[in-house]
Amino acid sequence: MISFFISILNFLLILCSVLSFCCCLNLQEVVLYLFYKLVFCYFVAKVMKNVGILSHLSERTTYLTIKYFSFLE
């Protein structure tokens, strides 16, 4: 659980540095969208792990894989 919060903090730091270059965007909307996407990917990874679809992978690997592919949309 601690590693999850650390990864969220790392993500937010990277996000803030990227968004500092994008002044024309509404910062609050972008942060909320990315946060909801992050939470969604985490829960999808948990469900897939619990169902056994990706039982051969660790939960963190599953989460990172789903997060990566969801951000490619």
Protein backbone atom coordinates (compact mmCIF):
# COMPACT_ATOMS: atom_id res chain seq x y z
CA MET A 1 0.00 0.00 0.00
CA ILE A 2 2.87 2.36 0.76
CA SER A 3 4.39 1.73 -2.66
CA PHE A 4 1.05 2.66 -4.23
CA PHE A 5 1.08 6.07 -2.52
CA ILE A 6 4.73 6.59 -3.48
CA SER A 7 3.92 5.82 -7.10
CA ILE A 8 1.02 8.31 -6.95
CA LEU A 9 3.32 10.99 -5.58
CA ASN A 10 5.88 10.29 -8.28
CA PHE A 11 3.16 10.45 -10.88
CA LEU A 12 1.88 13.78 -9.56
CA LEU A 13 5.37 15.27 -9.54
CA ILE A 14 5.88 14.27 -13.16
CA LEU A 15 2.43 15.54 -14.02
CA CYS A 16 3.07 18.93 -12.45
CA SER A 17 6.34 19.33 -14.30
CA VAL A 18 4.69 18.44 -17.62
CA LEU A 19 1.70 20.68 -17.01
CA SER A 20 3.92 23.62 -16.16
CA PHE A 21 4.70 23.77 -19.89
CA CYS A 22 1.02 23.62 -20.83
CA CYS A 23 -0.38 26.87 -19.47
CA CYS A 24 -3.31 26.90 -21.87
CA LEU A 25 -4.92 23.81 -20.30
CA ASN A 26 -7.30 23.94 -17.38
CA LEU A 27 -5.08 22.43 -14.71
CA GLN A 28 -7.86 21.21 -12.43
CA GLU A 29 -9.65 19.27 -15.19
CA VAL A 30 -6.46 17.62 -16.40
CA VAL A 31 -5.39 16.57 -12.90
CA LEU A 32 -8.85 15.15 -12.11
CA TYR A 33 -8.96 13.25 -15.39
CA LEU A 34 -5.53 11.70 -14.85
CA PHE A 35 -6.28 10.89 -11.21
CA TYR A 36 -9.50 9.08 -12.10
CA LYS A 37 -7.68 7.20 -14.84
CA LEU A 38 -4.99 6.15 -12.36
CA VAL A 39 -7.56 4.91 -9.83
CA PHE A 40 -9.50 3.09 -12.55
CA CYS A 41 -6.36 1.27 -13.72
CA TYR A 42 -5.50 0.28 -10.17
CA PHE A 43 -8.92 -1.28 -9.57
CA VAL A 44 -8.92 -3.07 -12.93
CA ALA A 45 -5.55 -4.57 -12.02
CA LYS A 46 -6.92 -5.67 -8.63
CA VAL A 47 -9.98 -7.30 -10.21
CA MET A 48 -7.94 -9.08 -12.88
CA LYS A 49 -5.53 -10.32 -10.23
CA ASN A 50 -8.36 -11.56 -7.97
CA VAL A 51 -10.21 -13.27 -10.82
CA GLY A 52 -7.00 -15.03 -11.81
CA ILE A 53 -6.74 -13.72 -15.36
CA LEU A 54 -3.25 -12.45 -14.71
CA SER A 55 -2.34 -14.57 -11.72
CA HIS A 56 1.13 -15.28 -13.09
CA LEU A 57 2.03 -11.58 -12.85
CA SER A 58 2.51 -9.59 -9.71
CA GLU A 59 -0.18 -7.05 -8.85
CA ARG A 60 2.17 -4.12 -9.41
CA THR A 61 3.22 -5.42 -12.83
CA THR A 62 -0.43 -5.88 -13.79
CA TYR A 63 -1.28 -2.38 -12.59
CA LEU A 64 1.61 -0.77 -14.47
CA THR A 65 0.75 -2.68 -17.66
CA ILE A 66 -2.89 -1.61 -17.56
CA LYS A 67 -1.90 1.97 -16.71
CA TYR A 68 0.52 2.11 -19.64
CA PHE A 69 -1.98 0.81 -22.19
CA SER A 70 -4.81 3.00 -20.92
CA PHE A 71 -2.72 6.14 -21.34
CA LEU A 72 -2.08 5.26 -24.99
CA GLU A 73 -5.71 5.97 -25.94
